[in-house]
Amino acid sequence: MLKLAYGASTRREIEFPDGCHGLVHVRVNEHGWQVLPWSRDEWLASEGSVIVDDSVYPLETVPYVFTLIAYNEDTANSHAITLRVQVAEGAIAAGLARFISALKRSGVI
């Protein structure tokens, strides 16, 4: 669980180190709602790369936390996955995130 501040998450990065071979699968959730990947019930998997999401995501529900959920199909090795989150703090950032989300839902952007 990664504790965040009130505002909006403006960038999320998930780093898969070398050696994962696509066998480590992860999701990022907020209060049971899937944040990444965008497609419900999907998982992210990779090898020696960083997956980046630059969409704006409002952080308005206390506590402000993201939870990384993972499973490993590699029974011989363990792997450390890194989640990095950039947050614009405060009410203005949260309001802007809500506005952008509404525009996306309406098909404007």
PDB file of N, CA and C in Angstrom:
ATOM      1  N   MET A   1       0.848  -1.171   0.000  1.00  0.00           N
ATOM      2  CA  MET A   1       0.000   0.000   0.000  1.00  0.00           C
ATOM      3  C   MET A   1       0.899   1.241   0.000  1.00  0.00           C
ATOM      4  N   LEU A   2       0.607   2.159  -0.918  1.00  0.00           N
ATOM      5  CA  LEU A   2       1.382   3.386  -1.047  1.00  0.00           C
ATOM      6  C   LEU A   2       0.509   4.565  -0.646  1.00  0.00           C
ATOM      7  N   LYS A   3       0.895   5.257   0.451  1.00  0.00           N
ATOM      8  CA  LYS A   3       0.127   6.402   0.927  1.00  0.00           C
ATOM      9  C   LYS A   3       0.431   7.622   0.075  1.00  0.00           C
ATOM     10  N   LEU A   4      -0.637   8.351  -0.309  1.00  0.00           N
ATOM     11  CA  LEU A   4      -0.515   9.512  -1.170  1.00  0.00           C
ATOM     12  C   LEU A   4      -1.156  10.725  -0.510  1.00  0.00           C
ATOM     13  N   ALA A   5      -1.045  11.877  -1.157  1.00  0.00           N
ATOM     14  CA  ALA A   5      -1.651  13.110  -0.651  1.00  0.00           C
ATOM     15  C   ALA A   5      -2.925  13.418  -1.435  1.00  0.00           C
ATOM     16  N   TYR A   6      -3.810  14.214  -0.848  1.00  0.00           N
ATOM     17  CA  TYR A   6      -5.022  14.684  -1.525  1.00  0.00           C
ATOM     18  C   TYR A   6      -4.628  15.495  -2.755  1.00  0.00           C
ATOM     19  N   GLY A   7      -5.282  15.236  -3.872  1.00  0.00           N
ATOM     20  CA  GLY A   7      -4.996  15.968  -5.101  1.00  0.00           C
ATOM     21  C   GLY A   7      -5.271  15.101  -6.303  1.00  0.00           C
ATOM     22  N   ALA A   8      -4.274  14.974  -7.187  1.00  0.00           N
ATOM     23  CA  ALA A   8      -4.425  14.166  -8.390  1.00  0.00           C
ATOM     24  C   ALA A   8      -3.113  13.480  -8.723  1.00  0.00           C
ATOM     25  N   SER A   9      -3.200  12.218  -9.045  1.00  0.00           N
ATOM     26  CA  SER A   9      -2.034  11.496  -9.532  1.00  0.00           C
ATOM     27  C   SER A   9      -1.888  11.832 -11.012  1.00  0.00           C
ATOM     28  N   THR A  10      -0.735  12.372 -11.382  1.00  0.00           N
ATOM     29  CA  THR A  10      -0.517  12.811 -12.759  1.00  0.00           C
ATOM     30  C   THR A  10       0.403  11.871 -13.537  1.00  0.00           C
ATOM     31  N   ARG A  11       0.979  10.895 -12.855  1.00  0.00           N
ATOM     32  CA  ARG A  11       1.857   9.925 -13.531  1.00  0.00           C
ATOM     33  C   ARG A  11       2.038   8.711 -12.632  1.00  0.00           C
ATOM     34  N   ARG A  12       1.977   7.543 -13.253  1.00  0.00           N
ATOM     35  CA  ARG A  12       2.244   6.301 -12.564  1.00  0.00           C
ATOM     36  C   ARG A  12       3.235   5.488 -13.395  1.00  0.00           C
ATOM     37  N   GLU A  13       4.234   4.921 -12.745  1.00  0.00           N
ATOM     38  CA  GLU A  13       5.228   4.095 -13.425  1.00  0.00           C
ATOM     39  C   GLU A  13       5.344   2.766 -12.691  1.00  0.00           C
ATOM     40  N   ILE A  14       5.336   1.686 -13.459  1.00  0.00           N
ATOM     41  CA  ILE A  14       5.552   0.355 -12.893  1.00  0.00           C
ATOM     42  C   ILE A  14       6.791  -0.210 -13.566  1.00  0.00           C
ATOM     43  N   GLU A  15       7.810  -0.495 -12.761  1.00  0.00           N
ATOM     44  CA  GLU A  15       9.071  -0.997 -13.293  1.00  0.00           C
ATOM     45  C   GLU A  15       9.192  -2.504 -13.071  1.00  0.00           C
ATOM     46  N   PHE A  16       9.388  -3.205 -14.179  1.00  0.00           N
ATOM     47  CA  PHE A  16       9.630  -4.648 -14.152  1.00  0.00           C
ATOM     48  C   PHE A  16      11.114  -4.868 -14.415  1.00  0.00           C
ATOM     49  N   PRO A  17      11.856  -5.440 -13.473  1.00  0.00           N
ATOM     50  CA  PRO A  17      13.286  -5.635 -13.686  1.00  0.00           C
ATOM     51  C   PRO A  17      13.560  -6.774 -14.676  1.00  0.00           C
ATOM     52  N   ASP A  18      14.806  -6.831 -15.146  1.00  0.00           N
ATOM     53  CA  ASP A  18      15.225  -7.960 -15.970  1.00  0.00           C
ATOM     54  C   ASP A  18      15.004  -9.248 -15.192  1.00  0.00           C
ATOM     55  N   GLY A  19      14.623 -10.287 -15.891  1.00  0.00           N
ATOM     56  CA  GLY A  19      14.427 -11.592 -15.258  1.00  0.00           C
ATOM     57  C   GLY A  19      12.980 -11.949 -14.996  1.00  0.00           C
ATOM     58  N   CYS A  20      12.073 -10.997 -15.157  1.00  0.00           N
ATOM     59  CA  CYS A  20      10.655 -11.297 -14.925  1.00  0.00           C
ATOM     60  C   CYS A  20      10.068 -12.176 -16.036  1.00  0.00           C
ATOM     61  N   HIS A  21      10.566 -12.000 -17.250  1.00  0.00           N
ATOM     62  CA  HIS A  21      10.137 -12.808 -18.403  1.00  0.00           C
ATOM     63  C   HIS A  21       8.625 -12.837 -18.594  1.00  0.00           C
ATOM     64  N   GLY A  22       7.938 -11.762 -18.213  1.00  0.00           N
ATOM     65  CA  GLY A  22       6.484 -11.702 -18.377  1.00  0.00           C
ATOM     66  C   GLY A  22       5.716 -12.609 -17.433  1.00  0.00           C
ATOM     67  N   LEU A  23       6.391 -13.124 -16.401  1.00  0.00           N
ATOM     68  CA  LEU A  23       5.754 -14.063 -15.474  1.00  0.00           C
ATOM     69  C   LEU A  23       5.198 -13.381 -14.222  1.00  0.00           C
ATOM     70  N   VAL A  24       5.543 -12.105 -14.013  1.00  0.00           N
ATOM     71  CA  VAL A  24       5.025 -11.338 -12.879  1.00  0.00           C
ATOM     72  C   VAL A  24       3.901 -10.448 -13.416  1.00  0.00           C
ATOM     73  N   HIS A  25       2.734 -10.530 -12.794  1.00  0.00           N
ATOM     74  CA  HIS A  25       1.555  -9.796 -13.245  1.00  0.00           C
ATOM     75  C   HIS A  25       1.121  -8.844 -12.137  1.00  0.00           C
ATOM     76  N   VAL A  26       0.818  -7.584 -12.502  1.00  0.00           N
ATOM     77  CA  VAL A  26       0.457  -6.592 -11.491  1.00  0.00           C
ATOM     78  C   VAL A  26      -0.743  -5.761 -11.926  1.00  0.00           C
ATOM     79  N   ARG A  27      -1.400  -5.205 -10.909  1.00  0.00           N
ATOM     80  CA  ARG A  27      -2.476  -4.222 -11.042  1.00  0.00           C
ATOM     81  C   ARG A  27      -2.263  -3.164  -9.975  1.00  0.00           C
ATOM     82  N   VAL A  28      -2.805  -1.983 -10.228  1.00  0.00           N
ATOM     83  CA  VAL A  28      -2.825  -0.937  -9.208  1.00  0.00           C
ATOM     84  C   VAL A  28      -4.289  -0.634  -8.917  1.00  0.00           C
ATOM     85  N   ASN A  29      -4.672  -0.676  -7.649  1.00  0.00           N
ATOM     86  CA  ASN A  29      -6.046  -0.407  -7.218  1.00  0.00           C
ATOM     87  C   ASN A  29      -6.081   0.773  -6.261  1.00  0.00           C
ATOM     88  N   GLU A  30      -7.247   1.425  -6.247  1.00  0.00           N
ATOM     89  CA  GLU A  30      -7.534   2.432  -5.222  1.00  0.00           C
ATOM     90  C   GLU A  30      -8.902   2.083  -4.655  1.00  0.00           C
ATOM     91  N   HIS A  31      -8.942   1.688  -3.387  1.00  0.00           N
ATOM     92  CA  HIS A  31     -10.189   1.329  -2.715  1.00  0.00           C
ATOM     93  C   HIS A  31     -10.995   0.294  -3.513  1.00  0.00           C
ATOM     94  N   GLY A  32     -10.309  -0.711  -4.045  1.00  0.00           N
ATOM     95  CA  GLY A  32     -10.976  -1.773  -4.787  1.00  0.00           C
ATOM     96  C   GLY A  32     -11.276  -1.435  -6.235  1.00  0.00           C
ATOM     97  N   TRP A  33     -10.996  -0.199  -6.659  1.00  0.00           N
ATOM     98  CA  TRP A  33     -11.226   0.217  -8.037  1.00  0.00           C
ATOM     99  C   TRP A  33      -9.909   0.090  -8.794  1.00  0.00           C
ATOM    100  N   GLN A  34      -9.937  -0.590  -9.931  1.00  0.00           N
ATOM    101  CA  GLN A  34      -8.721  -0.811 -10.703  1.00  0.00           C
ATOM    102  C   GLN A  34      -8.298   0.464 -11.415  1.00  0.00           C
ATOM    103  N   VAL A  35      -7.083   0.946 -11.103  1.00  0.00           N
ATOM    104  CA  VAL A  35      -6.518   2.149 -11.699  1.00  0.00           C
ATOM    105  C   VAL A  35      -5.681   1.786 -12.934  1.00  0.00           C
ATOM    106  N   LEU A  36      -4.882   0.753 -12.814  1.00  0.00           N
ATOM    107  CA  LEU A  36      -4.053   0.238 -13.905  1.00  0.00           C
ATOM    108  C   LEU A  36      -4.092  -1.275 -13.911  1.00  0.00           C
ATOM    109  N   PRO A  37      -4.103  -1.926 -15.051  1.00  0.00           N
ATOM    110  CA  PRO A  37      -4.341  -1.322 -16.356  1.00  0.00           C
ATOM    111  C   PRO A  37      -5.785  -0.841 -16.464  1.00  0.00           C
ATOM    112  N   TRP A  38      -6.066  -0.064 -17.510  1.00  0.00           N
ATOM    113  CA  TRP A  38      -7.384   0.541 -17.664  1.00  0.00           C
ATOM    114  C   TRP A  38      -8.476  -0.490 -17.926  1.00  0.00           C
ATOM    115  N   SER A  39      -8.163  -1.553 -18.618  1.00  0.00           N
ATOM    116  CA  SER A  39      -9.168  -2.585 -18.918  1.00  0.00           C
ATOM    117  C   SER A  39      -9.409  -3.446 -17.680  1.00  0.00           C
ATOM    118  N   ARG A  40     -10.660  -3.490 -17.251  1.00  0.00           N
ATOM    119  CA  ARG A  40     -11.048  -4.241 -16.057  1.00  0.00           C
ATOM    120  C   ARG A  40     -10.627  -5.695 -16.192  1.00  0.00           C
ATOM    121  N   ASP A  41     -10.145  -6.273 -15.116  1.00  0.00           N
ATOM    122  CA  ASP A  41      -9.742  -7.672 -15.020  1.00  0.00           C
ATOM    123  C   ASP A  41      -8.494  -8.001 -15.839  1.00  0.00           C
ATOM    124  N   GLU A  42      -7.785  -7.014 -16.367  1.00  0.00           N
ATOM    125  CA  GLU A  42      -6.520  -7.241 -17.063  1.00  0.00           C
ATOM    126  C   GLU A  42      -5.368  -7.116 -16.067  1.00  0.00           C
ATOM    127  N   TRP A  43      -4.203  -7.601 -16.450  1.00  0.00           N
ATOM    128  CA  TRP A  43      -2.987  -7.511 -15.652  1.00  0.00           C
ATOM    129  C   TRP A  43      -1.878  -6.953 -16.532  1.00  0.00           C
ATOM    130  N   LEU A  44      -0.907  -6.281 -15.920  1.00  0.00           N
ATOM    131  CA  LEU A  44       0.286  -5.824 -16.627  1.00  0.00           C
ATOM    132  C   LEU A  44       1.409  -6.814 -16.371  1.00  0.00           C
ATOM    133  N   ALA A  45       2.186  -7.126 -17.410  1.00  0.00           N
ATOM    134  CA  ALA A  45       3.349  -7.999 -17.281  1.00  0.00           C
ATOM    135  C   ALA A  45       4.387  -7.523 -18.280  1.00  0.00           C
ATOM    136  N   SER A  46       5.668  -7.597 -17.915  1.00  0.00           N
ATOM    137  CA  SER A  46       6.712  -7.144 -18.821  1.00  0.00           C
ATOM    138  C   SER A  46       8.048  -7.736 -18.408  1.00  0.00           C
ATOM    139  N   GLU A  47       9.095  -7.272 -19.069  1.00  0.00           N
ATOM    140  CA  GLU A  47      10.459  -7.754 -18.835  1.00  0.00           C
ATOM    141  C   GLU A  47      11.427  -6.598 -19.027  1.00  0.00           C
ATOM    142  N   GLY A  48      12.132  -6.207 -17.980  1.00  0.00           N
ATOM    143  CA  GLY A  48      13.157  -5.172 -18.087  1.00  0.00           C
ATOM    144  C   GLY A  48      12.663  -3.858 -18.673  1.00  0.00           C
ATOM    145  N   SER A  49      11.500  -3.399 -18.235  1.00  0.00           N
ATOM    146  CA  SER A  49      10.952  -2.167 -18.789  1.00  0.00           C
ATOM    147  C   SER A  49      10.120  -1.418 -17.748  1.00  0.00           C
ATOM    148  N   VAL A  50       9.759  -0.190 -18.114  1.00  0.00           N
ATOM    149  CA  VAL A  50       8.904   0.636 -17.263  1.00  0.00           C
ATOM    150  C   VAL A  50       7.633   0.945 -18.047  1.00  0.00           C
ATOM    151  N   ILE A  51       6.484   0.629 -17.464  1.00  0.00           N
ATOM    152  CA  ILE A  51       5.190   0.964 -18.058  1.00  0.00           C
ATOM    153  C   ILE A  51       4.744   2.280 -17.427  1.00  0.00           C
ATOM    154  N   VAL A  52       4.416   3.256 -18.283  1.00  0.00           N
ATOM    155  CA  VAL A  52       4.089   4.608 -17.823  1.00  0.00           C
ATOM    156  C   VAL A  52       2.647   4.949 -18.189  1.00  0.00           C
ATOM    157  N   ASP A  53       1.929   5.546 -17.233  1.00  0.00           N
ATOM    158  CA  ASP A  53       0.582   6.067 -17.475  1.00  0.00           C
ATOM    159  C   ASP A  53       0.580   7.527 -17.036  1.00  0.00           C
ATOM    160  N   ASP A  54       0.383   8.430 -17.997  1.00  0.00           N
ATOM    161  CA  ASP A  54       0.398   9.869 -17.719  1.00  0.00           C
ATOM    162  C   ASP A  54      -0.989  10.481 -17.608  1.00  0.00           C
ATOM    163  N   SER A  55      -2.021   9.667 -17.490  1.00  0.00           N
ATOM    164  CA  SER A  55      -3.364  10.223 -17.350  1.00  0.00           C
ATOM    165  C   SER A  55      -3.525  10.853 -15.964  1.00  0.00           C
ATOM    166  N   VAL A  56      -4.498  11.745 -15.845  1.00  0.00           N
ATOM    167  CA  VAL A  56      -4.758  12.420 -14.572  1.00  0.00           C
ATOM    168  C   VAL A  56      -5.827  11.634 -13.819  1.00  0.00           C
ATOM    169  N   TYR A  57      -5.516  11.260 -12.570  1.00  0.00           N
ATOM    170  CA  TYR A  57      -6.425  10.453 -11.763  1.00  0.00           C
ATOM    171  C   TYR A  57      -6.675  11.163 -10.437  1.00  0.00           C
ATOM    172  N   PRO A  58      -7.940  11.553 -10.132  1.00  0.00           N
ATOM    173  CA  PRO A  58      -8.227  12.287  -8.892  1.00  0.00           C
ATOM    174  C   PRO A  58      -8.050  11.402  -7.654  1.00  0.00           C
ATOM    175  N   LEU A  59      -7.487  11.989  -6.612  1.00  0.00           N
ATOM    176  CA  LEU A  59      -7.323  11.306  -5.319  1.00  0.00           C
ATOM    177  C   LEU A  59      -8.209  12.043  -4.315  1.00  0.00           C
ATOM    178  N   GLU A  60      -9.403  11.499  -4.082  1.00  0.00           N
ATOM    179  CA  GLU A  60     -10.373  12.218  -3.255  1.00  0.00           C
ATOM    180  C   GLU A  60     -10.959  11.383  -2.129  1.00  0.00           C
ATOM    181  N   THR A  61     -10.683  10.091  -2.105  1.00  0.00           N
ATOM    182  CA  THR A  61     -11.254   9.225  -1.081  1.00  0.00           C
ATOM    183  C   THR A  61     -10.199   8.914  -0.021  1.00  0.00           C
ATOM    184  N   VAL A  62     -10.516   9.261   1.216  1.00  0.00           N
ATOM    185  CA  VAL A  62      -9.609   9.020   2.347  1.00  0.00           C
ATOM    186  C   VAL A  62      -9.685   7.548   2.735  1.00  0.00           C
ATOM    187  N   PRO A  63      -8.585   6.891   3.024  1.00  0.00           N
ATOM    188  CA  PRO A  63      -7.213   7.375   2.880  1.00  0.00           C
ATOM    189  C   PRO A  63      -6.792   7.361   1.418  1.00  0.00           C
ATOM    190  N   TYR A  64      -5.891   8.269   1.065  1.00  0.00           N
ATOM    191  CA  TYR A  64      -5.408   8.373  -0.307  1.00  0.00           C
ATOM    192  C   TYR A  64      -4.290   7.351  -0.479  1.00  0.00           C
ATOM    193  N   VAL A  65      -4.642   6.201  -1.034  1.00  0.00           N
ATOM    194  CA  VAL A  65      -3.666   5.113  -1.170  1.00  0.00           C
ATOM    195  C   VAL A  65      -3.861   4.382  -2.500  1.00  0.00           C
ATOM    196  N   PHE A  66      -2.758   3.895  -3.041  1.00  0.00           N
ATOM    197  CA  PHE A  66      -2.777   2.948  -4.146  1.00  0.00           C
ATOM    198  C   PHE A  66      -2.260   1.626  -3.604  1.00  0.00           C
ATOM    199  N   THR A  67      -2.851   0.543  -4.051  1.00  0.00           N
ATOM    200  CA  THR A  67      -2.412  -0.789  -3.649  1.00  0.00           C
ATOM    201  C   THR A  67      -1.924  -1.526  -4.886  1.00  0.00           C
ATOM    202  N   LEU A  68      -0.705  -2.041  -4.814  1.00  0.00           N
ATOM    203  CA  LEU A  68      -0.151  -2.845  -5.895  1.00  0.00           C
ATOM    204  C   LEU A  68      -0.488  -4.301  -5.606  1.00  0.00           C
ATOM    205  N   ILE A  69      -1.183  -4.933  -6.529  1.00  0.00           N
ATOM    206  CA  ILE A  69      -1.553  -6.341  -6.400  1.00  0.00           C
ATOM    207  C   ILE A  69      -0.735  -7.100  -7.430  1.00  0.00           C
ATOM    208  N   ALA A  70      -0.104  -8.182  -7.025  1.00  0.00           N
ATOM    209  CA  ALA A  70       0.769  -8.911  -7.947  1.00  0.00           C
ATOM    210  C   ALA A  70       0.709 -10.403  -7.687  1.00  0.00           C
ATOM    211  N   TYR A  71       1.011 -11.151  -8.747  1.00  0.00           N
ATOM    212  CA  TYR A  71       1.265 -12.578  -8.577  1.00  0.00           C
ATOM    213  C   TYR A  71       2.387 -12.983  -9.514  1.00  0.00           C
ATOM    214  N   ASN A  72       3.083 -14.042  -9.127  1.00  0.00           N
ATOM    215  CA  ASN A  72       4.293 -14.478  -9.826  1.00  0.00           C
ATOM    216  C   ASN A  72       4.120 -15.921 -10.272  1.00  0.00           C
ATOM    217  N   GLU A  73       4.194 -16.161 -11.585  1.00  0.00           N
ATOM    218  CA  GLU A  73       4.124 -17.523 -12.116  1.00  0.00           C
ATOM    219  C   GLU A  73       5.481 -18.223 -12.074  1.00  0.00           C
ATOM    220  N   ASP A  74       6.534 -17.489 -11.771  1.00  0.00           N
ATOM    221  CA  ASP A  74       7.884 -18.037 -11.684  1.00  0.00           C
ATOM    222  C   ASP A  74       8.075 -18.631 -10.293  1.00  0.00           C
ATOM    223  N   THR A  75       8.030 -19.935 -10.186  1.00  0.00           N
ATOM    224  CA  THR A  75       8.111 -20.585  -8.871  1.00  0.00           C
ATOM    225  C   THR A  75       9.542 -20.676  -8.351  1.00  0.00           C
ATOM    226  N   ALA A  76      10.543 -20.425  -9.205  1.00  0.00           N
ATOM    227  CA  ALA A  76      11.938 -20.556  -8.785  1.00  0.00           C
ATOM    228  C   ALA A  76      12.542 -19.236  -8.308  1.00  0.00           C
ATOM    229  N   ASN A  77      11.990 -18.097  -8.746  1.00  0.00           N
ATOM    230  CA  ASN A  77      12.604 -16.803  -8.438  1.00  0.00           C
ATOM    231  C   ASN A  77      11.565 -15.796  -7.939  1.00  0.00           C
ATOM    232  N   SER A  78      12.030 -14.929  -7.037  1.00  0.00           N
ATOM    233  CA  SER A  78      11.175 -13.819  -6.614  1.00  0.00           C
ATOM    234  C   SER A  78      11.646 -12.562  -7.355  1.00  0.00           C
ATOM    235  N   HIS A  79      10.757 -11.583  -7.497  1.00  0.00           N
ATOM    236  CA  HIS A  79      11.068 -10.368  -8.237  1.00  0.00           C
ATOM    237  C   HIS A  79      10.524  -9.162  -7.489  1.00  0.00           C
ATOM    238  N   ALA A  80      11.254  -8.047  -7.552  1.00  0.00           N
ATOM    239  CA  ALA A  80      10.826  -6.804  -6.909  1.00  0.00           C
ATOM    240  C   ALA A  80      10.297  -5.852  -7.976  1.00  0.00           C
ATOM    241  N   ILE A  81       9.024  -5.549  -7.915  1.00  0.00           N
ATOM    242  CA  ILE A  81       8.378  -4.622  -8.843  1.00  0.00           C
ATOM    243  C   ILE A  81       8.298  -3.257  -8.160  1.00  0.00           C
ATOM    244  N   THR A  82       8.608  -2.195  -8.892  1.00  0.00           N
ATOM    245  CA  THR A  82       8.605  -0.845  -8.333  1.00  0.00           C
ATOM    246  C   THR A  82       7.431  -0.048  -8.888  1.00  0.00           C
ATOM    247  N   LEU A  83       6.673   0.582  -7.988  1.00  0.00           N
ATOM    248  CA  LEU A  83       5.588   1.495  -8.360  1.00  0.00           C
ATOM    249  C   LEU A  83       5.994   2.902  -7.950  1.00  0.00           C
ATOM    250  N   ARG A  84       6.029   3.813  -8.923  1.00  0.00           N
ATOM    251  CA  ARG A  84       6.309   5.224  -8.654  1.00  0.00           C
ATOM    252  C   ARG A  84       5.076   6.029  -9.040  1.00  0.00           C
ATOM    253  N   VAL A  85       4.707   6.995  -8.181  1.00  0.00           N
ATOM    254  CA  VAL A  85       3.511   7.797  -8.421  1.00  0.00           C
ATOM    255  C   VAL A  85       3.862   9.268  -8.229  1.00  0.00           C
ATOM    256  N   GLN A  86       3.470  10.082  -9.205  1.00  0.00           N
ATOM    257  CA  GLN A  86       3.615  11.532  -9.107  1.00  0.00           C
ATOM    258  C   GLN A  86       2.253  12.123  -8.748  1.00  0.00           C
ATOM    259  N   VAL A  87       2.234  13.020  -7.755  1.00  0.00           N
ATOM    260  CA  VAL A  87       0.975  13.593  -7.280  1.00  0.00           C
ATOM    261  C   VAL A  87       1.068  15.118  -7.279  1.00  0.00           C
ATOM    262  N   ALA A  88       0.053  15.759  -7.877  1.00  0.00           N
ATOM    263  CA  ALA A  88      -0.136  17.203  -7.737  1.00  0.00           C
ATOM    264  C   ALA A  88      -1.097  17.370  -6.562  1.00  0.00           C
ATOM    265  N   GLU A  89      -0.632  18.025  -5.504  1.00  0.00           N
ATOM    266  CA  GLU A  89      -1.411  18.085  -4.270  1.00  0.00           C
ATOM    267  C   GLU A  89      -2.419  19.230  -4.283  1.00  0.00           C
ATOM    268  N   GLY A  90      -3.545  19.013  -3.539  1.00  0.00           N
ATOM    269  CA  GLY A  90      -4.482  20.081  -3.261  1.00  0.00           C
ATOM    270  C   GLY A  90      -5.789  20.028  -4.021  1.00  0.00           C
ATOM    271  N   ALA A  91      -6.698  20.905  -3.603  1.00  0.00           N
ATOM    272  CA  ALA A  91      -8.059  20.939  -4.131  1.00  0.00           C
ATOM    273  C   ALA A  91      -8.100  21.343  -5.605  1.00  0.00           C
ATOM    274  N   ILE A  92      -7.226  22.248  -6.025  1.00  0.00           N
ATOM    275  CA  ILE A  92      -7.232  22.668  -7.431  1.00  0.00           C
ATOM    276  C   ILE A  92      -6.856  21.495  -8.323  1.00  0.00           C
ATOM    277  N   ALA A  93      -5.849  20.722  -7.927  1.00  0.00           N
ATOM    278  CA  ALA A  93      -5.437  19.548  -8.705  1.00  0.00           C
ATOM    279  C   ALA A  93      -6.556  18.518  -8.762  1.00  0.00           C
ATOM    280  N   ALA A  94      -7.229  18.280  -7.644  1.00  0.00           N
ATOM    281  CA  ALA A  94      -8.328  17.314  -7.611  1.00  0.00           C
ATOM    282  C   ALA A  94      -9.480  17.787  -8.490  1.00  0.00           C
ATOM    283  N   GLY A  95      -9.799  19.075  -8.441  1.00  0.00           N
ATOM    284  CA  GLY A  95     -10.873  19.620  -9.274  1.00  0.00           C
ATOM    285  C   GLY A  95     -10.549  19.516 -10.754  1.00  0.00           C
ATOM    286  N   LEU A  96      -9.304  19.811 -11.115  1.00  0.00           N
ATOM    287  CA  LEU A  96      -8.880  19.686 -12.504  1.00  0.00           C
ATOM    288  C   LEU A  96      -8.982  18.233 -12.961  1.00  0.00           C
ATOM    289  N   ALA A  97      -8.600  17.300 -12.110  1.00  0.00           N
ATOM    290  CA  ALA A  97      -8.696  15.880 -12.454  1.00  0.00           C
ATOM    291  C   ALA A  97     -10.150  15.477 -12.692  1.00  0.00           C
ATOM    292  N   ARG A  98     -11.071  15.950 -11.847  1.00  0.00           N
ATOM    293  CA  ARG A  98     -12.502  15.658 -12.033  1.00  0.00           C
ATOM    294  C   ARG A  98     -13.000  16.225 -13.357  1.00  0.00           C
ATOM    295  N   PHE A  99     -12.567  17.443 -13.675  1.00  0.00           N
ATOM    296  CA  PHE A  99     -12.975  18.096 -14.915  1.00  0.00           C
ATOM    297  C   PHE A  99     -12.481  17.320 -16.138  1.00  0.00           C
ATOM    298  N   ILE A 100     -11.227  16.918 -16.124  1.00  0.00           N
ATOM    299  CA  ILE A 100     -10.661  16.146 -17.234  1.00  0.00           C
ATOM    300  C   ILE A 100     -11.371  14.808 -17.366  1.00  0.00           C
ATOM    301  N   SER A 101     -11.643  14.152 -16.252  1.00  0.00           N
ATOM    302  CA  SER A 101     -12.363  12.866 -16.277  1.00  0.00           C
ATOM    303  C   SER A 101     -13.749  13.033 -16.894  1.00  0.00           C
ATOM    304  N   ALA A 102     -14.446  14.124 -16.546  1.00  0.00           N
ATOM    305  CA  ALA A 102     -15.778  14.372 -17.101  1.00  0.00           C
ATOM    306  C   ALA A 102     -15.708  14.611 -18.605  1.00  0.00           C
ATOM    307  N   LEU A 103     -14.698  15.346 -19.064  1.00  0.00           N
ATOM    308  CA  LEU A 103     -14.527  15.573 -20.499  1.00  0.00           C
ATOM    309  C   LEU A 103     -14.273  14.259 -21.238  1.00  0.00           C
ATOM    310  N   LYS A 104     -13.464  13.396 -20.645  1.00  0.00           N
ATOM    311  CA  LYS A 104     -13.181  12.104 -21.277  1.00  0.00           C
ATOM    312  C   LYS A 104     -14.449  11.244 -21.344  1.00  0.00           C
ATOM    313  N   ARG A 105     -15.213  11.221 -20.248  1.00  0.00           N
ATOM    314  CA  ARG A 105     -16.453  10.420 -20.233  1.00  0.00           C
ATOM    315  C   ARG A 105     -17.453  10.910 -21.271  1.00  0.00           C
ATOM    316  N   SER A 106     -17.472  12.224 -21.500  1.00  0.00           N
ATOM    317  CA  SER A 106     -18.432  12.782 -22.461  1.00  0.00           C
ATOM    318  C   SER A 106     -17.938  12.693 -23.902  1.00  0.00           C
ATOM    319  N   GLY A 107     -16.706  12.261 -24.082  1.00  0.00           N
ATOM    320  CA  GLY A 107     -16.171  12.098 -25.425  1.00  0.00           C
ATOM    321  C   GLY A 107     -15.573  13.356 -26.027  1.00  0.00           C
ATOM    322  N   VAL A 108     -15.455  14.421 -25.237  1.00  0.00           N
ATOM    323  CA  VAL A 108     -14.900  15.672 -25.732  1.00  0.00           C
ATOM    324  C   VAL A 108     -13.393  15.519 -26.002  1.00  0.00           C
ATOM    325  N   ILE A 109     -12.710  14.809 -25.118  1.00  0.00           N
ATOM    326  CA  ILE A 109     -11.277  14.557 -25.325  1.00  0.00           C
ATOM    327  C   ILE A 109     -10.986  13.077 -25.230  1.00  0.00           C
TER     328      ILE A 109
END
